[in-house]
Amino acid sequence: MPLNELKALLALGTLLTGALGGLAPLFWARPSSQQGGSRRLVGAGNAFAAGLFLGIGLLHFLPEGSASYASLGVLYPVASVLALGAFLLLLLLEHVLLPDAAHDAAHAHSGEGHSSHHHHPPASHDSATGRQSTSAYILLLALSIHSVLAGTVLGADNDAMGVLMTFLAIAVHKGAAGLALGLALATNASVTRVRAFKLVSLFALMTPLGILVGSLAGAALRSDARLFFDATAAALAAGTFLYIGAFDLVQDEFLRAGRRWTKWVCAVVGAALAAFLAGWL
């Protein structure tokens, strides 16, 4: 199958994964036992995705970027520097520039409305409802940014096996992230079901949008310029995948007490799968 057709098919796959994960909670009843089971599923999925993201970043994108720069005659470890720069930039955007309230909402554990290790003083019903509504939109924004970045990585990749590896990591995380978003919206009294459907649809479209952007950017270049673009994209992708795996998945999941052994095993399985797939490159 031609690479562009494969990317189009995988873009559809990410769209469906995100939509199904996000819409499912909107049809469920809302007893706490079901929400707890859903959050356990989100936690296990995020841990597995973390292993994939870390493995693919270290075993696929970083070596690919380094090899491409070496083929251009660049001896300095540019790929590693760019990966580090991407990591630190995302760290700045998400953990330094965000206000505390927005940070807590964007990094709640496994789909919870707020971080369990933060304690807030009692507030009125109106102010609590307003914070709940704001939290849902901040969560949507954070997840959408990651979806676009991950999609751009997939779209820019020029290797079929690398594209498939990236899709696997994105699909697992997209489903778990969609489920977390759907839970946040389904339990938010200030968001109507129609609005929730629209927000989930917007989230589902973000990864295909990123794939389109990455594909168009790569197709516009030729020869050495294309090789330089591929090297730079792979290096930045490595930093992005390491950041998502370490900060947005491992940190958010393992700071929460309970089921840590299960999550660790899921992360190891994800990393092992990435290592196994790396042998096919």
C-alpha atoms as a PDB file:
ATOM      1  CA  MET A   1       0.000   0.000   0.000  1.00  0.00           C
ATOM      2  CA  PRO A   2       1.395   3.480  -0.891  1.00  0.00           C
ATOM      3  CA  LEU A   3       2.563   5.410   2.142  1.00  0.00           C
ATOM      4  CA  ASN A   4       0.115   8.293   1.687  1.00  0.00           C
ATOM      5  CA  GLU A   5      -2.825   5.901   1.471  1.00  0.00           C
ATOM      6  CA  LEU A   6      -1.579   4.130   4.595  1.00  0.00           C
ATOM      7  CA  LYS A   7      -1.412   7.452   6.430  1.00  0.00           C
ATOM      8  CA  ALA A   8      -4.948   8.319   5.306  1.00  0.00           C
ATOM      9  CA  LEU A   9      -6.208   4.965   6.573  1.00  0.00           C
ATOM     10  CA  LEU A  10      -4.432   5.399   9.899  1.00  0.00           C
ATOM     11  CA  ALA A  11      -5.781   8.953  10.203  1.00  0.00           C
ATOM     12  CA  LEU A  12      -9.269   7.474   9.943  1.00  0.00           C
ATOM     13  CA  GLY A  13      -8.277   4.931  12.591  1.00  0.00           C
ATOM     14  CA  THR A  14      -7.178   7.646  15.028  1.00  0.00           C
ATOM     15  CA  LEU A  15     -10.386   9.550  14.343  1.00  0.00           C
ATOM     16  CA  LEU A  16     -12.535   6.539  15.188  1.00  0.00           C
ATOM     17  CA  THR A  17     -10.436   5.618  18.242  1.00  0.00           C
ATOM     18  CA  GLY A  18     -10.713   9.079  19.737  1.00  0.00           C
ATOM     19  CA  ALA A  19     -14.408   9.382  18.920  1.00  0.00           C
ATOM     20  CA  LEU A  20     -15.345   5.978  20.340  1.00  0.00           C
ATOM     21  CA  GLY A  21     -13.300   6.507  23.500  1.00  0.00           C
ATOM     22  CA  GLY A  22     -14.792   9.953  24.082  1.00  0.00           C
ATOM     23  CA  LEU A  23     -18.403   9.165  23.201  1.00  0.00           C
ATOM     24  CA  ALA A  24     -18.725   5.910  25.151  1.00  0.00           C
ATOM     25  CA  PRO A  25     -19.026   7.548  28.610  1.00  0.00           C
ATOM     26  CA  LEU A  26     -21.788   9.841  27.324  1.00  0.00           C
ATOM     27  CA  PHE A  27     -24.052   6.802  26.910  1.00  0.00           C
ATOM     28  CA  TRP A  28     -23.190   5.116  30.203  1.00  0.00           C
ATOM     29  CA  ALA A  29     -25.013   5.490  33.449  1.00  0.00           C
ATOM     30  CA  ARG A  30     -23.034   7.488  35.991  1.00  0.00           C
ATOM     31  CA  PRO A  31     -22.762   5.429  39.173  1.00  0.00           C
ATOM     32  CA  SER A  32     -19.390   5.774  40.878  1.00  0.00           C
ATOM     33  CA  SER A  33     -18.584   2.072  40.441  1.00  0.00           C
ATOM     34  CA  GLN A  34     -18.729   2.400  36.670  1.00  0.00           C
ATOM     35  CA  GLN A  35     -16.646   5.562  36.759  1.00  0.00           C
ATOM     36  CA  GLY A  36     -14.064   3.811  38.934  1.00  0.00           C
ATOM     37  CA  GLY A  37     -13.842   0.905  36.506  1.00  0.00           C
ATOM     38  CA  SER A  38     -13.458   3.305  33.603  1.00  0.00           C
ATOM     39  CA  ARG A  39     -10.659   5.149  35.342  1.00  0.00           C
ATOM     40  CA  ARG A  40      -8.856   1.893  36.005  1.00  0.00           C
ATOM     41  CA  LEU A  41      -9.086   1.160  32.274  1.00  0.00           C
ATOM     42  CA  VAL A  42      -7.783   4.640  31.460  1.00  0.00           C
ATOM     43  CA  GLY A  43      -4.883   4.182  33.896  1.00  0.00           C
ATOM     44  CA  ALA A  44      -3.846   0.824  32.427  1.00  0.00           C
ATOM     45  CA  GLY A  45      -4.145   2.170  28.873  1.00  0.00           C
ATOM     46  CA  ASN A  46      -2.086   5.245  29.702  1.00  0.00           C
ATOM     47  CA  ALA A  47       0.621   3.138  31.352  1.00  0.00           C
ATOM     48  CA  PHE A  48       0.829   0.849  28.309  1.00  0.00           C
ATOM     49  CA  ALA A  49       0.929   3.880  25.999  1.00  0.00           C
ATOM     50  CA  ALA A  50       3.705   5.383  28.155  1.00  0.00           C
ATOM     51  CA  GLY A  51       5.905   2.353  27.508  1.00  0.00           C
ATOM     52  CA  LEU A  52       5.202   2.623  23.783  1.00  0.00           C
ATOM     53  CA  PHE A  53       5.920   6.367  23.656  1.00  0.00           C
ATOM     54  CA  LEU A  54       9.181   6.026  25.590  1.00  0.00           C
ATOM     55  CA  GLY A  55      10.301   3.003  23.580  1.00  0.00           C
ATOM     56  CA  ILE A  56       9.479   4.525  20.200  1.00  0.00           C
ATOM     57  CA  GLY A  57      11.111   7.837  21.126  1.00  0.00           C
ATOM     58  CA  LEU A  58      14.348   6.170  22.255  1.00  0.00           C
ATOM     59  CA  LEU A  59      14.509   3.209  19.860  1.00  0.00           C
ATOM     60  CA  HIS A  60      13.045   4.647  16.673  1.00  0.00           C
ATOM     61  CA  PHE A  61      12.929   8.430  16.377  1.00  0.00           C
ATOM     62  CA  LEU A  62      16.178   9.371  18.133  1.00  0.00           C
ATOM     63  CA  PRO A  63      18.348   6.815  16.245  1.00  0.00           C
ATOM     64  CA  GLU A  64      16.609   7.755  12.994  1.00  0.00           C
ATOM     65  CA  GLY A  65      17.299  11.459  13.508  1.00  0.00           C
ATOM     66  CA  SER A  66      20.923  10.827  14.472  1.00  0.00           C
ATOM     67  CA  ALA A  67      21.493   8.601  11.430  1.00  0.00           C
ATOM     68  CA  SER A  68      19.929  11.157   9.082  1.00  0.00           C
ATOM     69  CA  TYR A  69      22.099  13.985  10.399  1.00  0.00           C
ATOM     70  CA  ALA A  70      25.170  11.733  10.124  1.00  0.00           C
ATOM     71  CA  SER A  71      24.325  11.043   6.471  1.00  0.00           C
ATOM     72  CA  LEU A  72      24.281  14.823   5.936  1.00  0.00           C
ATOM     73  CA  GLY A  73      27.827  14.989   7.328  1.00  0.00           C
ATOM     74  CA  VAL A  74      26.847  16.563  10.660  1.00  0.00           C
ATOM     75  CA  LEU A  75      29.060  15.194  13.444  1.00  0.00           C
ATOM     76  CA  TYR A  76      27.594  17.170  16.347  1.00  0.00           C
ATOM     77  CA  PRO A  77      24.698  15.344  18.126  1.00  0.00           C
ATOM     78  CA  VAL A  78      22.084  17.729  16.722  1.00  0.00           C
ATOM     79  CA  ALA A  79      19.289  15.162  17.005  1.00  0.00           C
ATOM     80  CA  SER A  80      19.832  14.747  20.739  1.00  0.00           C
ATOM     81  CA  VAL A  81      19.986  18.524  21.270  1.00  0.00           C
ATOM     82  CA  LEU A  82      16.722  19.029  19.351  1.00  0.00           C
ATOM     83  CA  ALA A  83      15.050  16.210  21.289  1.00  0.00           C
ATOM     84  CA  LEU A  84      16.149  17.824  24.548  1.00  0.00           C
ATOM     85  CA  GLY A  85      14.918  21.199  23.316  1.00  0.00           C
ATOM     86  CA  ALA A  86      11.489  19.790  22.416  1.00  0.00           C
ATOM     87  CA  PHE A  87      11.252  18.146  25.837  1.00  0.00           C
ATOM     88  CA  LEU A  88      12.135  21.362  27.680  1.00  0.00           C
ATOM     89  CA  LEU A  89       9.800  23.477  25.525  1.00  0.00           C
ATOM     90  CA  LEU A  90       6.820  21.240  26.298  1.00  0.00           C
ATOM     91  CA  LEU A  91       7.832  21.268  29.963  1.00  0.00           C
ATOM     92  CA  LEU A  92       7.775  25.085  29.877  1.00  0.00           C
ATOM     93  CA  LEU A  93       4.400  25.250  28.141  1.00  0.00           C
ATOM     94  CA  GLU A  94       2.625  22.738  30.363  1.00  0.00           C
ATOM     95  CA  HIS A  95       4.261  22.927  33.779  1.00  0.00           C
ATOM     96  CA  VAL A  96       5.593  26.480  34.031  1.00  0.00           C
ATOM     97  CA  LEU A  97       3.401  28.867  32.042  1.00  0.00           C
ATOM     98  CA  LEU A  98       0.019  27.344  32.982  1.00  0.00           C
ATOM     99  CA  PRO A  99      -1.663  28.870  36.057  1.00  0.00           C
ATOM    100  CA  ASP A 100      -1.994  26.468  38.982  1.00  0.00           C
ATOM    101  CA  ALA A 101      -5.739  25.888  38.539  1.00  0.00           C
ATOM    102  CA  ALA A 102      -5.346  25.191  34.822  1.00  0.00           C
ATOM    103  CA  HIS A 103      -2.353  22.943  35.503  1.00  0.00           C
ATOM    104  CA  ASP A 104      -4.335  20.855  38.007  1.00  0.00           C
ATOM    105  CA  ALA A 105      -7.214  20.460  35.580  1.00  0.00           C
ATOM    106  CA  ALA A 106      -5.024  19.495  32.638  1.00  0.00           C
ATOM    107  CA  HIS A 107      -3.051  16.926  34.633  1.00  0.00           C
ATOM    108  CA  ALA A 108      -5.736  15.213  36.658  1.00  0.00           C
ATOM    109  CA  HIS A 109      -5.140  11.486  37.135  1.00  0.00           C
ATOM    110  CA  SER A 110      -6.912   9.021  34.874  1.00  0.00           C
ATOM    111  CA  GLY A 111      -9.816  11.214  33.969  1.00  0.00           C
ATOM    112  CA  GLU A 112     -10.521  12.684  37.385  1.00  0.00           C
ATOM    113  CA  GLY A 113     -11.840  16.182  37.607  1.00  0.00           C
ATOM    114  CA  HIS A 114      -8.905  17.320  39.791  1.00  0.00           C
ATOM    115  CA  SER A 115      -5.669  16.032  41.203  1.00  0.00           C
ATOM    116  CA  SER A 116      -6.154  14.018  44.338  1.00  0.00           C
ATOM    117  CA  HIS A 117      -3.064  15.402  46.053  1.00  0.00           C
ATOM    118  CA  HIS A 118      -4.285  19.011  45.884  1.00  0.00           C
ATOM    119  CA  HIS A 119      -6.728  20.278  48.474  1.00  0.00           C
ATOM    120  CA  HIS A 120      -8.968  23.235  47.843  1.00  0.00           C
ATOM    121  CA  PRO A 121     -11.028  25.175  50.380  1.00  0.00           C
ATOM    122  CA  PRO A 122     -14.823  24.897  50.268  1.00  0.00           C
ATOM    123  CA  ALA A 123     -16.464  27.041  47.615  1.00  0.00           C
ATOM    124  CA  SER A 124     -19.963  28.011  46.607  1.00  0.00           C
ATOM    125  CA  HIS A 125     -21.944  25.829  44.217  1.00  0.00           C
ATOM    126  CA  ASP A 126     -21.702  28.418  41.426  1.00  0.00           C
ATOM    127  CA  SER A 127     -17.940  28.836  41.712  1.00  0.00           C
ATOM    128  CA  ALA A 128     -17.430  25.059  41.912  1.00  0.00           C
ATOM    129  CA  THR A 129     -19.585  24.573  38.802  1.00  0.00           C
ATOM    130  CA  GLY A 130     -17.600  27.250  36.998  1.00  0.00           C
ATOM    131  CA  ARG A 131     -14.288  25.591  37.854  1.00  0.00           C
ATOM    132  CA  GLN A 132     -15.696  22.238  36.726  1.00  0.00           C
ATOM    133  CA  SER A 133     -16.716  23.688  33.370  1.00  0.00           C
ATOM    134  CA  THR A 134     -13.335  25.382  32.940  1.00  0.00           C
ATOM    135  CA  SER A 135     -11.505  22.168  33.828  1.00  0.00           C
ATOM    136  CA  ALA A 136     -13.274  20.264  31.053  1.00  0.00           C
ATOM    137  CA  TYR A 137     -12.208  22.822  28.443  1.00  0.00           C
ATOM    138  CA  ILE A 138      -8.626  22.953  29.709  1.00  0.00           C
ATOM    139  CA  LEU A 139      -8.465  19.163  29.535  1.00  0.00           C
ATOM    140  CA  LEU A 140      -9.767  19.329  25.956  1.00  0.00           C
ATOM    141  CA  LEU A 141      -7.132  21.933  25.042  1.00  0.00           C
ATOM    142  CA  ALA A 142      -4.257  19.943  26.551  1.00  0.00           C
ATOM    143  CA  LEU A 143      -5.342  16.699  24.888  1.00  0.00           C
ATOM    144  CA  SER A 144      -5.888  18.441  21.546  1.00  0.00           C
ATOM    145  CA  ILE A 145      -2.400  19.964  21.542  1.00  0.00           C
ATOM    146  CA  HIS A 146      -0.872  16.553  22.150  1.00  0.00           C
ATOM    147  CA  SER A 147      -3.070  15.028  19.459  1.00  0.00           C
ATOM    148  CA  VAL A 148      -1.930  17.553  16.855  1.00  0.00           C
ATOM    149  CA  LEU A 149       1.734  17.104  17.783  1.00  0.00           C
ATOM    150  CA  ALA A 150       1.532  13.313  17.693  1.00  0.00           C
ATOM    151  CA  GLY A 151      -0.352  13.403  14.392  1.00  0.00           C
ATOM    152  CA  THR A 152       2.269  15.699  12.864  1.00  0.00           C
ATOM    153  CA  VAL A 153       4.950  13.216  13.912  1.00  0.00           C
ATOM    154  CA  LEU A 154       3.106  10.402  12.144  1.00  0.00           C
ATOM    155  CA  GLY A 155       2.459  12.484   9.037  1.00  0.00           C
ATOM    156  CA  ALA A 156       6.088  13.572   8.743  1.00  0.00           C
ATOM    157  CA  ASP A 157       7.486  10.031   9.061  1.00  0.00           C
ATOM    158  CA  ASN A 158       8.652   8.613   5.721  1.00  0.00           C
ATOM    159  CA  ASP A 159       9.029   4.999   6.861  1.00  0.00           C
ATOM    160  CA  ALA A 160       6.061   2.613   6.731  1.00  0.00           C
ATOM    161  CA  MET A 161       7.083   0.581   9.790  1.00  0.00           C
ATOM    162  CA  GLY A 162       7.773   3.766  11.736  1.00  0.00           C
ATOM    163  CA  VAL A 163       4.343   5.070  10.754  1.00  0.00           C
ATOM    164  CA  LEU A 164       2.710   1.876  12.030  1.00  0.00           C
ATOM    165  CA  MET A 165       4.649   1.999  15.311  1.00  0.00           C
ATOM    166  CA  THR A 166       3.651   5.614  15.836  1.00  0.00           C
ATOM    167  CA  PHE A 167       0.030   4.838  15.028  1.00  0.00           C
ATOM    168  CA  LEU A 168      -0.036   2.041  17.593  1.00  0.00           C
ATOM    169  CA  ALA A 169       1.198   4.359  20.349  1.00  0.00           C
ATOM    170  CA  ILE A 170      -1.158   7.156  19.301  1.00  0.00           C
ATOM    171  CA  ALA A 171      -4.187   4.876  19.014  1.00  0.00           C
ATOM    172  CA  VAL A 172      -3.753   3.436  22.518  1.00  0.00           C
ATOM    173  CA  HIS A 173      -3.230   6.868  24.051  1.00  0.00           C
ATOM    174  CA  LYS A 174      -5.997   8.433  21.946  1.00  0.00           C
ATOM    175  CA  GLY A 175      -8.530   5.892  23.150  1.00  0.00           C
ATOM    176  CA  ALA A 176      -7.531   6.322  26.800  1.00  0.00           C
ATOM    177  CA  ALA A 177      -7.412  10.118  26.477  1.00  0.00           C
ATOM    178  CA  GLY A 178     -10.803  10.140  24.758  1.00  0.00           C
ATOM    179  CA  LEU A 179     -12.241   8.053  27.575  1.00  0.00           C
ATOM    180  CA  ALA A 180     -10.818  10.482  30.147  1.00  0.00           C
ATOM    181  CA  LEU A 181     -12.294  13.439  28.264  1.00  0.00           C
ATOM    182  CA  GLY A 182     -15.649  11.702  27.885  1.00  0.00           C
ATOM    183  CA  LEU A 183     -15.776  10.973  31.620  1.00  0.00           C
ATOM    184  CA  ALA A 184     -14.951  14.597  32.444  1.00  0.00           C
ATOM    185  CA  LEU A 185     -17.721  15.826  30.145  1.00  0.00           C
ATOM    186  CA  ALA A 186     -20.289  13.208  31.166  1.00  0.00           C
ATOM    187  CA  THR A 187     -19.938  14.129  34.846  1.00  0.00           C
ATOM    188  CA  ASN A 188     -19.955  17.883  34.180  1.00  0.00           C
ATOM    189  CA  ALA A 189     -23.402  19.306  34.889  1.00  0.00           C
ATOM    190  CA  SER A 190     -22.619  22.528  33.010  1.00  0.00           C
ATOM    191  CA  VAL A 191     -21.930  20.761  29.684  1.00  0.00           C
ATOM    192  CA  THR A 192     -24.952  19.569  27.729  1.00  0.00           C
ATOM    193  CA  ARG A 193     -24.858  16.290  25.841  1.00  0.00           C
ATOM    194  CA  VAL A 194     -24.963  18.113  22.489  1.00  0.00           C
ATOM    195  CA  ARG A 195     -22.023  20.282  23.531  1.00  0.00           C
ATOM    196  CA  ALA A 196     -20.171  17.209  24.775  1.00  0.00           C
ATOM    197  CA  PHE A 197     -20.650  15.506  21.399  1.00  0.00           C
ATOM    198  CA  LYS A 198     -19.208  18.555  19.641  1.00  0.00           C
ATOM    199  CA  LEU A 199     -16.202  18.743  21.961  1.00  0.00           C
ATOM    200  CA  VAL A 200     -15.418  15.039  21.597  1.00  0.00           C
ATOM    201  CA  SER A 201     -15.708  15.369  17.797  1.00  0.00           C
ATOM    202  CA  LEU A 202     -13.276  18.293  17.876  1.00  0.00           C
ATOM    203  CA  PHE A 203     -10.833  16.247  19.942  1.00  0.00           C
ATOM    204  CA  ALA A 204     -11.137  13.266  17.565  1.00  0.00           C
ATOM    205  CA  LEU A 205     -10.280  15.476  14.562  1.00  0.00           C
ATOM    206  CA  MET A 206      -7.047  16.840  16.024  1.00  0.00           C
ATOM    207  CA  THR A 207      -4.804  13.845  15.232  1.00  0.00           C
ATOM    208  CA  PRO A 208      -5.953  13.558  11.564  1.00  0.00           C
ATOM    209  CA  LEU A 209      -5.324  17.309  11.284  1.00  0.00           C
ATOM    210  CA  GLY A 210      -1.781  16.828  12.574  1.00  0.00           C
ATOM    211  CA  ILE A 211      -1.224  13.922  10.154  1.00  0.00           C
ATOM    212  CA  LEU A 212      -2.324  16.143   7.261  1.00  0.00           C
ATOM    213  CA  VAL A 213      -0.010  18.960   8.324  1.00  0.00           C
ATOM    214  CA  GLY A 214       2.984  16.637   8.704  1.00  0.00           C
ATOM    215  CA  SER A 215       2.338  14.918   5.386  1.00  0.00           C
ATOM    216  CA  LEU A 216       1.987  18.186   3.447  1.00  0.00           C
ATOM    217  CA  ALA A 217       5.108  19.657   5.034  1.00  0.00           C
ATOM    218  CA  GLY A 218       7.162  16.593   4.133  1.00  0.00           C
ATOM    219  CA  ALA A 219       5.791  16.330   0.586  1.00  0.00           C
ATOM    220  CA  ALA A 220       6.698  19.939  -0.181  1.00  0.00           C
ATOM    221  CA  LEU A 221      10.421  19.235   0.175  1.00  0.00           C
ATOM    222  CA  ARG A 222      12.867  17.428  -2.072  1.00  0.00           C
ATOM    223  CA  SER A 223      16.356  15.892  -1.927  1.00  0.00           C
ATOM    224  CA  ASP A 224      18.666  17.155   0.831  1.00  0.00           C
ATOM    225  CA  ALA A 225      15.991  19.495   2.140  1.00  0.00           C
ATOM    226  CA  ARG A 226      13.700  16.490   2.624  1.00  0.00           C
ATOM    227  CA  LEU A 227      16.440  14.567   4.421  1.00  0.00           C
ATOM    228  CA  PHE A 228      17.100  17.545   6.699  1.00  0.00           C
ATOM    229  CA  PHE A 229      13.376  17.845   7.382  1.00  0.00           C
ATOM    230  CA  ASP A 230      13.117  14.131   8.172  1.00  0.00           C
ATOM    231  CA  ALA A 231      16.107  14.318  10.533  1.00  0.00           C
ATOM    232  CA  THR A 232      14.735  17.358  12.336  1.00  0.00           C
ATOM    233  CA  ALA A 233      11.202  15.945  12.532  1.00  0.00           C
ATOM    234  CA  ALA A 234      12.498  12.648  13.942  1.00  0.00           C
ATOM    235  CA  ALA A 235      14.606  14.447  16.577  1.00  0.00           C
ATOM    236  CA  LEU A 236      11.734  16.681  17.663  1.00  0.00           C
ATOM    237  CA  ALA A 237       9.420  13.667  17.660  1.00  0.00           C
ATOM    238  CA  ALA A 238      11.820  11.848  19.983  1.00  0.00           C
ATOM    239  CA  GLY A 239      11.699  14.693  22.496  1.00  0.00           C
ATOM    240  CA  THR A 240       7.923  14.977  22.152  1.00  0.00           C
ATOM    241  CA  PHE A 241       7.370  11.236  22.667  1.00  0.00           C
ATOM    242  CA  LEU A 242       9.742  11.145  25.659  1.00  0.00           C
ATOM    243  CA  TYR A 243       7.910  14.078  27.211  1.00  0.00           C
ATOM    244  CA  ILE A 244       4.428  12.626  26.645  1.00  0.00           C
ATOM    245  CA  GLY A 245       5.541   9.252  27.964  1.00  0.00           C
ATOM    246  CA  ALA A 246       7.348  10.601  31.028  1.00  0.00           C
ATOM    247  CA  PHE A 247       5.335  13.639  32.102  1.00  0.00           C
ATOM    248  CA  ASP A 248       1.845  13.239  30.695  1.00  0.00           C
ATOM    249  CA  LEU A 249       1.529   9.490  31.235  1.00  0.00           C
ATOM    250  CA  VAL A 250       4.045   8.078  33.715  1.00  0.00           C
ATOM    251  CA  GLN A 251       3.929  11.057  36.082  1.00  0.00           C
ATOM    252  CA  ASP A 252       0.164  11.519  36.021  1.00  0.00           C
ATOM    253  CA  GLU A 253      -0.524   7.812  36.517  1.00  0.00           C
ATOM    254  CA  PHE A 254       2.144   6.764  39.004  1.00  0.00           C
ATOM    255  CA  LEU A 255       1.696   9.716  41.347  1.00  0.00           C
ATOM    256  CA  ARG A 256      -1.760   8.347  42.077  1.00  0.00           C
ATOM    257  CA  ALA A 257      -1.812   5.653  44.730  1.00  0.00           C
ATOM    258  CA  GLY A 258      -3.122   2.203  43.864  1.00  0.00           C
ATOM    259  CA  ARG A 259      -2.565  -0.371  41.098  1.00  0.00           C
ATOM    260  CA  ARG A 260       1.016   0.782  40.557  1.00  0.00           C
ATOM    261  CA  TRP A 261       2.267  -2.761  39.942  1.00  0.00           C
ATOM    262  CA  THR A 262      -0.412  -3.260  37.302  1.00  0.00           C
ATOM    263  CA  LYS A 263       0.467   0.018  35.633  1.00  0.00           C
ATOM    264  CA  TRP A 264       4.179  -0.769  35.761  1.00  0.00           C
ATOM    265  CA  VAL A 265       3.601  -4.136  34.067  1.00  0.00           C
ATOM    266  CA  CYS A 266       1.499  -2.399  31.395  1.00  0.00           C
ATOM    267  CA  ALA A 267       4.302   0.125  30.824  1.00  0.00           C
ATOM    268  CA  VAL A 268       6.892  -2.678  30.535  1.00  0.00           C
ATOM    269  CA  VAL A 269       4.708  -4.525  28.030  1.00  0.00           C
ATOM    270  CA  GLY A 270       4.402  -1.342  25.964  1.00  0.00           C
ATOM    271  CA  ALA A 271       8.161  -0.738  26.035  1.00  0.00           C
ATOM    272  CA  ALA A 272       8.856  -4.386  25.168  1.00  0.00           C
ATOM    273  CA  LEU A 273       6.501  -4.142  22.204  1.00  0.00           C
ATOM    274  CA  ALA A 274       8.314  -1.022  21.005  1.00  0.00           C
ATOM    275  CA  ALA A 275      11.662  -2.829  21.352  1.00  0.00           C
ATOM    276  CA  PHE A 276      10.318  -5.833  19.431  1.00  0.00           C
ATOM    277  CA  LEU A 277       8.967  -3.640  16.626  1.00  0.00           C
ATOM    278  CA  ALA A 278      12.258  -1.742  16.450  1.00  0.00           C
ATOM    279  CA  GLY A 279      13.891  -4.971  15.247  1.00  0.00           C
ATOM    280  CA  TRP A 280      11.757  -4.800  12.095  1.00  0.00           C
ATOM    281  CA  LEU A 281      12.990  -1.353  11.068  1.00  0.00           C
END
